[in-house]
Amino acid sequence: HNLPDMPRGFVVVLALVLATAAATEECASSFQADLKRTVTAAIPIGQIFNFEKYPLGTDSPKLQETIARCQQQLQTEGAFVLTDFIKPEAVAQLLKEVTSVTPTESEKNHTVFQLPPDPAFGVDHPRNKMVFARIGFVGRTLLPENALLNLMYDWDPLKDFLSAIAGRPLYRSTDNEGSVYAIVNSAQHITTWHFDQAPFSIVFMLQRSTIGGDFQWVPGLRKGSDAALYEGIDDVLANRAILRSVNPPPGSVFFFNGSESLHQSAEVHGDAARVTSIMTFADSPDFRNSDLVRKQNWKS
């Protein structure tokens, strides 16, 4: 139907009223969405972490004792393990989220530094020696937006706990895929020897493999001289080094200094895949992995 002619002033007032109503509705919708996100984020946290054993977000003596013990282990061993860190129902949910998507299969040859070869050294020099890796990578964008892993990564008390252990402020990575991700290594997969570009990672054990898959490392290899570093790399690649090794049960976490400790997840065998979720933490708020690492792992 045709509307009757109306005074110009009335039309302006009517337009303002309609615009205000639309803005109010938009604000209300936004508020409801924010409220939903807040509630969604708040509910799972209490169902994820074992607060009885690790009272995160508190100043309890029990947590302070854990921090002190982990600080000592990180300094002397380059890593620590905490068992029963997350609850069995959270392990089941995380495992379901990760295994419900198809991992990006990545086969690559790289230096242990995850850098291009340096022409100042020969091809067989430890700086340039190539190692082979085959992994199943699940980046952050493949996970549901409200995935438990994302909620855990964005939860400040976890970051504060790890910062206290590291002895300095830690920041979340800006990498769209490599900030928080999962590795699904089935038979003949190996996350071979390398140094990380980020200083720290925390790994959540979700499923052990049937055989193999141990996390192995040599602590503090980059703290000494270049000569000692290259000799240490040679010893590791020639199977002459004394290695630390752990294979904790599901629900455990291990936190390590990946930029200073040479490490790998050993080759997997058998029917059951080794499934882990990893969070990356850095010394600066603008950290992200190099283009080479991004291309080799998730091709973006």
C-alpha atoms as a PDB file:
ATOM      1  CA  HIS A   1       0.000   0.000   0.000  1.00  0.00           C
ATOM      2  CA  ASN A   2       1.067   3.575  -0.653  1.00  0.00           C
ATOM      3  CA  LEU A   3       1.711   5.552   2.536  1.00  0.00           C
ATOM      4  CA  PRO A   4       0.058   8.983   2.817  1.00  0.00           C
ATOM      5  CA  ASP A   5       2.280  12.044   2.602  1.00  0.00           C
ATOM      6  CA  MET A   6       3.741  12.928   6.028  1.00  0.00           C
ATOM      7  CA  PRO A   7       5.441  16.087   7.255  1.00  0.00           C
ATOM      8  CA  ARG A   8       9.241  16.047   6.808  1.00  0.00           C
ATOM      9  CA  GLY A   9       9.821  16.533  10.550  1.00  0.00           C
ATOM     10  CA  PHE A  10       7.667  13.547  11.403  1.00  0.00           C
ATOM     11  CA  VAL A  11       9.599  11.360   8.940  1.00  0.00           C
ATOM     12  CA  VAL A  12      12.915  12.385  10.545  1.00  0.00           C
ATOM     13  CA  VAL A  13      11.620  11.643  14.049  1.00  0.00           C
ATOM     14  CA  LEU A  14      10.229   8.290  12.907  1.00  0.00           C
ATOM     15  CA  ALA A  15      13.588   7.387  11.324  1.00  0.00           C
ATOM     16  CA  LEU A  16      15.401   8.253  14.553  1.00  0.00           C
ATOM     17  CA  VAL A  17      13.000   6.139  16.596  1.00  0.00           C
ATOM     18  CA  LEU A  18      13.464   3.150  14.287  1.00  0.00           C
ATOM     19  CA  ALA A  19      17.261   3.553  14.287  1.00  0.00           C
ATOM     20  CA  THR A  20      17.303   3.743  18.082  1.00  0.00           C
ATOM     21  CA  ALA A  21      15.158   0.640  18.343  1.00  0.00           C
ATOM     22  CA  ALA A  22      17.448  -1.255  15.959  1.00  0.00           C
ATOM     23  CA  ALA A  23      20.546  -0.159  17.882  1.00  0.00           C
ATOM     24  CA  THR A  24      18.944  -1.195  21.160  1.00  0.00           C
ATOM     25  CA  GLU A  25      18.068  -4.600  19.732  1.00  0.00           C
ATOM     26  CA  GLU A  26      21.618  -5.001  18.385  1.00  0.00           C
ATOM     27  CA  CYS A  27      23.106  -4.087  21.780  1.00  0.00           C
ATOM     28  CA  ALA A  28      20.773  -6.525  23.501  1.00  0.00           C
ATOM     29  CA  SER A  29      21.764  -9.285  21.068  1.00  0.00           C
ATOM     30  CA  SER A  30      25.438  -8.471  21.562  1.00  0.00           C
ATOM     31  CA  PHE A  31      24.996  -8.539  25.327  1.00  0.00           C
ATOM     32  CA  GLN A  32      23.248 -11.905  25.138  1.00  0.00           C
ATOM     33  CA  ALA A  33      26.054 -13.264  22.921  1.00  0.00           C
ATOM     34  CA  ASP A  34      28.700 -11.966  25.313  1.00  0.00           C
ATOM     35  CA  LEU A  35      26.787 -13.435  28.245  1.00  0.00           C
ATOM     36  CA  LYS A  36      26.527 -16.761  26.461  1.00  0.00           C
ATOM     37  CA  ARG A  37      30.267 -16.747  25.735  1.00  0.00           C
ATOM     38  CA  THR A  38      30.996 -15.890  29.361  1.00  0.00           C
ATOM     39  CA  VAL A  39      28.756 -18.643  30.679  1.00  0.00           C
ATOM     40  CA  THR A  40      30.100 -21.128  28.130  1.00  0.00           C
ATOM     41  CA  ALA A  41      33.669 -20.255  29.116  1.00  0.00           C
ATOM     42  CA  ALA A  42      32.961 -20.306  32.853  1.00  0.00           C
ATOM     43  CA  ILE A  43      31.170 -23.644  33.065  1.00  0.00           C
ATOM     44  CA  PRO A  44      33.811 -25.986  31.575  1.00  0.00           C
ATOM     45  CA  ILE A  45      36.781 -24.661  33.561  1.00  0.00           C
ATOM     46  CA  GLY A  46      35.623 -26.289  36.774  1.00  0.00           C
ATOM     47  CA  GLN A  47      35.179 -29.539  34.882  1.00  0.00           C
ATOM     48  CA  ILE A  48      38.617 -29.463  33.237  1.00  0.00           C
ATOM     49  CA  PHE A  49      41.331 -28.947  35.826  1.00  0.00           C
ATOM     50  CA  ASN A  50      41.943 -31.007  38.932  1.00  0.00           C
ATOM     51  CA  PHE A  51      41.548 -28.098  41.341  1.00  0.00           C
ATOM     52  CA  GLU A  52      41.786 -30.358  44.390  1.00  0.00           C
ATOM     53  CA  LYS A  53      45.334 -31.313  43.475  1.00  0.00           C
ATOM     54  CA  TYR A  54      46.295 -28.098  41.635  1.00  0.00           C
ATOM     55  CA  PRO A  55      44.259 -25.126  42.972  1.00  0.00           C
ATOM     56  CA  LEU A  56      44.963 -22.805  40.046  1.00  0.00           C
ATOM     57  CA  GLY A  57      43.987 -19.173  40.461  1.00  0.00           C
ATOM     58  CA  THR A  58      44.578 -19.186  44.226  1.00  0.00           C
ATOM     59  CA  ASP A  59      47.460 -18.270  46.516  1.00  0.00           C
ATOM     60  CA  SER A  60      47.163 -21.479  48.511  1.00  0.00           C
ATOM     61  CA  PRO A  61      50.317 -22.971  50.081  1.00  0.00           C
ATOM     62  CA  LYS A  62      49.635 -26.155  48.148  1.00  0.00           C
ATOM     63  CA  LEU A  63      49.899 -24.350  44.817  1.00  0.00           C
ATOM     64  CA  GLN A  64      52.975 -22.411  45.947  1.00  0.00           C
ATOM     65  CA  GLU A  65      54.683 -25.687  46.838  1.00  0.00           C
ATOM     66  CA  THR A  66      53.890 -27.034  43.374  1.00  0.00           C
ATOM     67  CA  ILE A  67      55.269 -23.890  41.743  1.00  0.00           C
ATOM     68  CA  ALA A  68      58.511 -24.104  43.750  1.00  0.00           C
ATOM     69  CA  ARG A  69      58.977 -27.784  42.882  1.00  0.00           C
ATOM     70  CA  CYS A  70      58.305 -27.165  39.185  1.00  0.00           C
ATOM     71  CA  GLN A  71      60.697 -24.196  39.117  1.00  0.00           C
ATOM     72  CA  GLN A  72      63.477 -26.430  40.427  1.00  0.00           C
ATOM     73  CA  GLN A  73      62.756 -29.169  37.897  1.00  0.00           C
ATOM     74  CA  LEU A  74      62.548 -26.698  35.020  1.00  0.00           C
ATOM     75  CA  GLN A  75      65.934 -25.217  35.936  1.00  0.00           C
ATOM     76  CA  THR A  76      67.706 -28.536  36.390  1.00  0.00           C
ATOM     77  CA  GLU A  77      65.872 -30.801  33.921  1.00  0.00           C
ATOM     78  CA  GLY A  78      64.420 -28.353  31.413  1.00  0.00           C
ATOM     79  CA  ALA A  79      60.943 -29.838  31.928  1.00  0.00           C
ATOM     80  CA  PHE A  80      58.474 -31.132  34.486  1.00  0.00           C
ATOM     81  CA  VAL A  81      55.474 -33.462  34.492  1.00  0.00           C
ATOM     82  CA  LEU A  82      52.261 -33.061  36.469  1.00  0.00           C
ATOM     83  CA  THR A  83      49.992 -36.110  36.591  1.00  0.00           C
ATOM     84  CA  ASP A  84      46.196 -35.914  36.975  1.00  0.00           C
ATOM     85  CA  PHE A  85      46.316 -32.265  35.927  1.00  0.00           C
ATOM     86  CA  ILE A  86      43.056 -32.458  33.998  1.00  0.00           C
ATOM     87  CA  LYS A  87      40.039 -34.596  34.808  1.00  0.00           C
ATOM     88  CA  PRO A  88      39.141 -37.792  32.912  1.00  0.00           C
ATOM     89  CA  GLU A  89      35.959 -36.244  31.486  1.00  0.00           C
ATOM     90  CA  ALA A  90      37.997 -33.335  30.137  1.00  0.00           C
ATOM     91  CA  VAL A  91      40.506 -35.756  28.580  1.00  0.00           C
ATOM     92  CA  ALA A  92      37.618 -37.553  26.864  1.00  0.00           C
ATOM     93  CA  GLN A  93      36.148 -34.284  25.555  1.00  0.00           C
ATOM     94  CA  LEU A  94      39.509 -32.970  24.329  1.00  0.00           C
ATOM     95  CA  LEU A  95      40.233 -36.276  22.613  1.00  0.00           C
ATOM     96  CA  LYS A  96      36.820 -36.195  20.946  1.00  0.00           C
ATOM     97  CA  GLU A  97      37.354 -32.628  19.684  1.00  0.00           C
ATOM     98  CA  VAL A  98      40.773 -33.444  18.264  1.00  0.00           C
ATOM     99  CA  THR A  99      39.935 -36.786  16.644  1.00  0.00           C
ATOM    100  CA  SER A 100      36.670 -35.531  15.122  1.00  0.00           C
ATOM    101  CA  VAL A 101      38.654 -33.661  12.445  1.00  0.00           C
ATOM    102  CA  THR A 102      41.132 -34.931   9.851  1.00  0.00           C
ATOM    103  CA  PRO A 103      44.711 -33.946  10.696  1.00  0.00           C
ATOM    104  CA  THR A 104      46.918 -32.246   8.136  1.00  0.00           C
ATOM    105  CA  GLU A 105      49.542 -34.851   7.220  1.00  0.00           C
ATOM    106  CA  SER A 106      52.994 -33.327   7.110  1.00  0.00           C
ATOM    107  CA  GLU A 107      56.188 -35.020   5.922  1.00  0.00           C
ATOM    108  CA  LYS A 108      59.288 -32.864   6.041  1.00  0.00           C
ATOM    109  CA  ASN A 109      63.049 -32.777   6.161  1.00  0.00           C
ATOM    110  CA  HIS A 110      64.421 -29.967   8.295  1.00  0.00           C
ATOM    111  CA  THR A 111      67.381 -28.942  10.406  1.00  0.00           C
ATOM    112  CA  VAL A 112      67.041 -29.387  14.163  1.00  0.00           C
ATOM    113  CA  PHE A 113      66.909 -25.577  14.409  1.00  0.00           C
ATOM    114  CA  GLN A 114      63.946 -25.469  11.991  1.00  0.00           C
ATOM    115  CA  LEU A 115      65.900 -22.922   9.970  1.00  0.00           C
ATOM    116  CA  PRO A 116      67.154 -22.965   6.368  1.00  0.00           C
ATOM    117  CA  PRO A 117      70.654 -24.445   5.964  1.00  0.00           C
ATOM    118  CA  ASP A 118      73.510 -22.051   6.669  1.00  0.00           C
ATOM    119  CA  PRO A 119      75.957 -21.897   3.707  1.00  0.00           C
ATOM    120  CA  ALA A 120      78.774 -21.131   6.166  1.00  0.00           C
ATOM    121  CA  PHE A 121      78.644 -24.814   7.233  1.00  0.00           C
ATOM    122  CA  GLY A 122      78.838 -28.061   5.302  1.00  0.00           C
ATOM    123  CA  VAL A 123      75.795 -30.211   4.608  1.00  0.00           C
ATOM    124  CA  ASP A 124      76.873 -32.785   7.204  1.00  0.00           C
ATOM    125  CA  HIS A 125      77.559 -30.211   9.908  1.00  0.00           C
ATOM    126  CA  PRO A 126      75.108 -30.395  12.859  1.00  0.00           C
ATOM    127  CA  ARG A 127      73.880 -26.907  11.943  1.00  0.00           C
ATOM    128  CA  ASN A 128      72.697 -28.154   8.552  1.00  0.00           C
ATOM    129  CA  LYS A 129      72.123 -31.868   9.027  1.00  0.00           C
ATOM    130  CA  MET A 130      68.606 -32.830   7.966  1.00  0.00           C
ATOM    131  CA  VAL A 131      66.197 -34.946   9.990  1.00  0.00           C
ATOM    132  CA  PHE A 132      62.907 -36.460   8.831  1.00  0.00           C
ATOM    133  CA  ALA A 133      59.536 -35.948  10.503  1.00  0.00           C
ATOM    134  CA  ARG A 134      56.023 -37.195   9.784  1.00  0.00           C
ATOM    135  CA  ILE A 135      53.197 -35.748  11.878  1.00  0.00           C
ATOM    136  CA  GLY A 136      49.436 -35.351  11.912  1.00  0.00           C
ATOM    137  CA  PHE A 137      48.729 -31.693  12.690  1.00  0.00           C
ATOM    138  CA  VAL A 138      45.413 -30.237  13.899  1.00  0.00           C
ATOM    139  CA  GLY A 139      45.620 -26.439  13.933  1.00  0.00           C
ATOM    140  CA  ARG A 140      43.511 -24.101  16.006  1.00  0.00           C
ATOM    141  CA  THR A 141      41.188 -23.154  13.153  1.00  0.00           C
ATOM    142  CA  LEU A 142      40.148 -26.792  12.751  1.00  0.00           C
ATOM    143  CA  LEU A 143      38.965 -26.943  16.358  1.00  0.00           C
ATOM    144  CA  PRO A 144      35.477 -25.761  17.378  1.00  0.00           C
ATOM    145  CA  GLU A 145      35.427 -22.099  18.412  1.00  0.00           C
ATOM    146  CA  ASN A 146      34.270 -23.077  21.915  1.00  0.00           C
ATOM    147  CA  ALA A 147      36.642 -26.055  22.129  1.00  0.00           C
ATOM    148  CA  LEU A 148      37.875 -26.799  25.635  1.00  0.00           C
ATOM    149  CA  LEU A 149      41.448 -26.358  24.474  1.00  0.00           C
ATOM    150  CA  ASN A 150      40.738 -22.796  23.345  1.00  0.00           C
ATOM    151  CA  LEU A 151      39.018 -21.989  26.636  1.00  0.00           C
ATOM    152  CA  MET A 152      41.964 -23.398  28.571  1.00  0.00           C
ATOM    153  CA  TYR A 153      44.467 -21.398  26.513  1.00  0.00           C
ATOM    154  CA  ASP A 154      42.554 -18.169  27.063  1.00  0.00           C
ATOM    155  CA  TRP A 155      42.122 -18.752  30.800  1.00  0.00           C
ATOM    156  CA  ASP A 156      44.492 -16.372  32.617  1.00  0.00           C
ATOM    157  CA  PRO A 157      45.096 -18.442  35.793  1.00  0.00           C
ATOM    158  CA  LEU A 158      46.757 -21.161  33.694  1.00  0.00           C
ATOM    159  CA  LYS A 159      49.046 -18.628  32.021  1.00  0.00           C
ATOM    160  CA  ASP A 160      49.786 -17.006  35.387  1.00  0.00           C
ATOM    161  CA  PHE A 161      50.673 -20.413  36.876  1.00  0.00           C
ATOM    162  CA  LEU A 162      53.127 -21.141  34.064  1.00  0.00           C
ATOM    163  CA  SER A 163      54.574 -17.611  34.222  1.00  0.00           C
ATOM    164  CA  ALA A 164      55.276 -18.067  37.924  1.00  0.00           C
ATOM    165  CA  ILE A 165      57.142 -21.285  37.186  1.00  0.00           C
ATOM    166  CA  ALA A 166      59.061 -19.757  34.272  1.00  0.00           C
ATOM    167  CA  GLY A 167      60.010 -16.781  36.453  1.00  0.00           C
ATOM    168  CA  ARG A 168      58.900 -14.218  33.899  1.00  0.00           C
ATOM    169  CA  PRO A 169      55.706 -13.058  32.174  1.00  0.00           C
ATOM    170  CA  LEU A 170      54.570 -15.369  29.394  1.00  0.00           C
ATOM    171  CA  TYR A 171      52.378 -14.374  26.467  1.00  0.00           C
ATOM    172  CA  ARG A 172      50.070 -16.299  24.190  1.00  0.00           C
ATOM    173  CA  SER A 173      51.236 -16.781  20.622  1.00  0.00           C
ATOM    174  CA  THR A 174      49.590 -14.756  17.847  1.00  0.00           C
ATOM    175  CA  ASP A 175      49.860 -17.677  15.425  1.00  0.00           C
ATOM    176  CA  ASN A 176      46.438 -18.513  14.042  1.00  0.00           C
ATOM    177  CA  GLU A 177      47.294 -22.225  13.884  1.00  0.00           C
ATOM    178  CA  GLY A 178      50.401 -22.821  15.989  1.00  0.00           C
ATOM    179  CA  SER A 179      49.291 -21.045  19.161  1.00  0.00           C
ATOM    180  CA  VAL A 180      47.189 -23.953  20.360  1.00  0.00           C
ATOM    181  CA  TYR A 181      47.028 -27.160  18.375  1.00  0.00           C
ATOM    182  CA  ALA A 182      47.086 -30.943  18.529  1.00  0.00           C
ATOM    183  CA  ILE A 183      49.330 -33.672  17.193  1.00  0.00           C
ATOM    184  CA  VAL A 184      47.816 -37.003  16.167  1.00  0.00           C
ATOM    185  CA  ASN A 185      50.696 -39.360  15.456  1.00  0.00           C
ATOM    186  CA  SER A 186      49.621 -42.761  14.193  1.00  0.00           C
ATOM    187  CA  ALA A 187      51.907 -45.650  13.187  1.00  0.00           C
ATOM    188  CA  GLN A 188      55.245 -44.610  11.618  1.00  0.00           C
ATOM    189  CA  HIS A 189      54.738 -40.978  12.617  1.00  0.00           C
ATOM    190  CA  ILE A 190      57.540 -39.196  14.449  1.00  0.00           C
ATOM    191  CA  THR A 191      57.945 -35.627  15.667  1.00  0.00           C
ATOM    192  CA  THR A 192      61.691 -35.792  15.259  1.00  0.00           C
ATOM    193  CA  TRP A 193      64.540 -33.883  16.941  1.00  0.00           C
ATOM    194  CA  HIS A 194      64.229 -30.110  16.931  1.00  0.00           C
ATOM    195  CA  PHE A 195      64.368 -26.895  18.906  1.00  0.00           C
ATOM    196  CA  ASP A 196      61.173 -24.858  19.169  1.00  0.00           C
ATOM    197  CA  GLN A 197      61.012 -21.232  18.131  1.00  0.00           C
ATOM    198  CA  ALA A 198      58.845 -20.360  21.137  1.00  0.00           C
ATOM    199  CA  PRO A 199      60.578 -20.656  24.517  1.00  0.00           C
ATOM    200  CA  PHE A 200      57.905 -22.724  26.278  1.00  0.00           C
ATOM    201  CA  SER A 201      55.195 -25.238  25.480  1.00  0.00           C
ATOM    202  CA  ILE A 202      52.770 -27.169  27.649  1.00  0.00           C
ATOM    203  CA  VAL A 203      51.648 -30.547  26.334  1.00  0.00           C
ATOM    204  CA  PHE A 204      48.433 -32.246  27.454  1.00  0.00           C
ATOM    205  CA  MET A 205      48.576 -36.020  27.131  1.00  0.00           C
ATOM    206  CA  LEU A 206      45.264 -37.303  25.751  1.00  0.00           C
ATOM    207  CA  GLN A 207      46.106 -40.793  24.475  1.00  0.00           C
ATOM    208  CA  ARG A 208      49.172 -42.997  24.547  1.00  0.00           C
ATOM    209  CA  SER A 209      50.239 -44.926  21.482  1.00  0.00           C
ATOM    210  CA  THR A 210      50.347 -48.716  21.570  1.00  0.00           C
ATOM    211  CA  ILE A 211      54.137 -48.696  21.259  1.00  0.00           C
ATOM    212  CA  GLY A 212      56.588 -45.797  21.220  1.00  0.00           C
ATOM    213  CA  GLY A 213      55.775 -42.096  21.269  1.00  0.00           C
ATOM    214  CA  ASP A 214      57.908 -41.292  24.325  1.00  0.00           C
ATOM    215  CA  PHE A 215      58.763 -37.624  24.774  1.00  0.00           C
ATOM    216  CA  GLN A 216      62.578 -37.414  24.807  1.00  0.00           C
ATOM    217  CA  TRP A 217      64.827 -34.431  25.392  1.00  0.00           C
ATOM    218  CA  VAL A 218      68.311 -33.174  26.221  1.00  0.00           C
ATOM    219  CA  PRO A 219      67.983 -30.180  28.563  1.00  0.00           C
ATOM    220  CA  GLY A 220      69.770 -26.874  28.136  1.00  0.00           C
ATOM    221  CA  LEU A 221      71.744 -27.817  25.048  1.00  0.00           C
ATOM    222  CA  ARG A 222      71.777 -24.241  23.766  1.00  0.00           C
ATOM    223  CA  LYS A 223      73.006 -22.722  27.020  1.00  0.00           C
ATOM    224  CA  GLY A 224      76.661 -23.597  26.413  1.00  0.00           C
ATOM    225  CA  SER A 225      79.166 -22.777  23.687  1.00  0.00           C
ATOM    226  CA  ASP A 226      78.533 -23.380  19.982  1.00  0.00           C
ATOM    227  CA  ALA A 227      81.104 -26.175  20.033  1.00  0.00           C
ATOM    228  CA  ALA A 228      79.295 -27.940  22.875  1.00  0.00           C
ATOM    229  CA  LEU A 229      75.947 -27.382  21.145  1.00  0.00           C
ATOM    230  CA  TYR A 230      77.055 -28.949  17.863  1.00  0.00           C
ATOM    231  CA  GLU A 231      78.776 -31.835  19.641  1.00  0.00           C
ATOM    232  CA  GLY A 232      75.595 -32.454  21.618  1.00  0.00           C
ATOM    233  CA  ILE A 233      73.470 -32.486  18.458  1.00  0.00           C
ATOM    234  CA  ASP A 234      75.869 -34.948  16.837  1.00  0.00           C
ATOM    235  CA  ASP A 235      75.658 -37.220  19.880  1.00  0.00           C
ATOM    236  CA  VAL A 236      71.847 -37.153  19.839  1.00  0.00           C
ATOM    237  CA  LEU A 237      71.562 -37.904  16.124  1.00  0.00           C
ATOM    238  CA  ALA A 238      74.139 -40.708  16.460  1.00  0.00           C
ATOM    239  CA  ASN A 239      72.256 -42.217  19.436  1.00  0.00           C
ATOM    240  CA  ARG A 240      75.185 -41.562  21.770  1.00  0.00           C
ATOM    241  CA  ALA A 241      73.477 -39.052  24.070  1.00  0.00           C
ATOM    242  CA  ILE A 242      71.941 -39.649  27.477  1.00  0.00           C
ATOM    243  CA  LEU A 243      68.283 -38.731  27.059  1.00  0.00           C
ATOM    244  CA  ARG A 244      65.505 -37.817  29.436  1.00  0.00           C
ATOM    245  CA  SER A 245      62.333 -39.665  28.523  1.00  0.00           C
ATOM    246  CA  VAL A 246      58.726 -39.657  29.751  1.00  0.00           C
ATOM    247  CA  ASN A 247      55.490 -41.221  28.601  1.00  0.00           C
ATOM    248  CA  PRO A 248      52.934 -39.994  31.159  1.00  0.00           C
ATOM    249  CA  PRO A 249      49.353 -41.275  31.296  1.00  0.00           C
ATOM    250  CA  PRO A 250      46.394 -39.351  29.841  1.00  0.00           C
ATOM    251  CA  GLY A 251      45.443 -36.369  31.993  1.00  0.00           C
ATOM    252  CA  SER A 252      49.090 -35.470  32.587  1.00  0.00           C
ATOM    253  CA  VAL A 253      50.865 -32.382  31.324  1.00  0.00           C
ATOM    254  CA  PHE A 254      54.505 -31.683  30.693  1.00  0.00           C
ATOM    255  CA  PHE A 255      55.932 -28.193  30.412  1.00  0.00           C
ATOM    256  CA  PHE A 256      59.348 -27.654  28.888  1.00  0.00           C
ATOM    257  CA  ASN A 257      61.789 -25.096  27.547  1.00  0.00           C
ATOM    258  CA  GLY A 258      61.653 -26.122  23.914  1.00  0.00           C
ATOM    259  CA  SER A 259      63.886 -23.375  22.553  1.00  0.00           C
ATOM    260  CA  GLU A 260      66.851 -24.535  24.670  1.00  0.00           C
ATOM    261  CA  SER A 261      66.210 -28.282  24.966  1.00  0.00           C
ATOM    262  CA  LEU A 262      66.560 -30.506  21.909  1.00  0.00           C
ATOM    263  CA  HIS A 263      63.509 -32.784  21.930  1.00  0.00           C
ATOM    264  CA  GLN A 264      61.354 -35.193  20.001  1.00  0.00           C
ATOM    265  CA  SER A 265      58.363 -37.486  20.300  1.00  0.00           C
ATOM    266  CA  ALA A 266      59.673 -40.902  19.320  1.00  0.00           C
ATOM    267  CA  GLU A 267      58.271 -42.938  16.447  1.00  0.00           C
ATOM    268  CA  VAL A 268      54.846 -44.478  17.022  1.00  0.00           C
ATOM    269  CA  HIS A 269      53.918 -48.115  16.347  1.00  0.00           C
ATOM    270  CA  GLY A 270      50.730 -50.124  16.734  1.00  0.00           C
ATOM    271  CA  ASP A 271      47.037 -49.401  16.284  1.00  0.00           C
ATOM    272  CA  ALA A 272      46.537 -46.615  18.852  1.00  0.00           C
ATOM    273  CA  ALA A 273      47.739 -43.131  17.882  1.00  0.00           C
ATOM    274  CA  ARG A 274      49.603 -40.844  20.240  1.00  0.00           C
ATOM    275  CA  VAL A 275      47.353 -37.800  20.733  1.00  0.00           C
ATOM    276  CA  THR A 276      48.478 -34.622  22.467  1.00  0.00           C
ATOM    277  CA  SER A 277      47.262 -31.039  22.685  1.00  0.00           C
ATOM    278  CA  ILE A 278      49.877 -28.299  22.839  1.00  0.00           C
ATOM    279  CA  MET A 279      49.850 -24.654  23.899  1.00  0.00           C
ATOM    280  CA  THR A 280      52.648 -22.264  22.984  1.00  0.00           C
ATOM    281  CA  PHE A 281      53.851 -19.451  25.257  1.00  0.00           C
ATOM    282  CA  ALA A 282      56.369 -16.739  24.381  1.00  0.00           C
ATOM    283  CA  ASP A 283      58.403 -13.936  25.949  1.00  0.00           C
ATOM    284  CA  SER A 284      56.748 -11.228  23.844  1.00  0.00           C
ATOM    285  CA  PRO A 285      53.104 -10.480  22.989  1.00  0.00           C
ATOM    286  CA  ASP A 286      53.741 -10.454  19.216  1.00  0.00           C
ATOM    287  CA  PHE A 287      55.359 -13.887  18.831  1.00  0.00           C
ATOM    288  CA  ARG A 288      54.506 -16.118  15.912  1.00  0.00           C
ATOM    289  CA  ASN A 289      56.369 -18.925  14.184  1.00  0.00           C
ATOM    290  CA  SER A 290      58.492 -18.321  11.104  1.00  0.00           C
ATOM    291  CA  ASP A 291      57.010 -18.708   7.642  1.00  0.00           C
ATOM    292  CA  LEU A 292      59.152 -21.816   7.122  1.00  0.00           C
ATOM    293  CA  VAL A 293      57.749 -23.574  10.192  1.00  0.00           C
ATOM    294  CA  ARG A 294      54.223 -22.531   9.269  1.00  0.00           C
ATOM    295  CA  LYS A 295      54.620 -23.863   5.738  1.00  0.00           C
ATOM    296  CA  GLN A 296      56.131 -27.161   6.879  1.00  0.00           C
ATOM    297  CA  ASN A 297      53.470 -27.873   9.480  1.00  0.00           C
ATOM    298  CA  TRP A 298      50.212 -26.408   8.272  1.00  0.00           C
ATOM    299  CA  LYS A 299      50.956 -25.015   4.822  1.00  0.00           C
ATOM    300  CA  SER A 300      49.629 -21.493   5.453  1.00  0.00           C
END
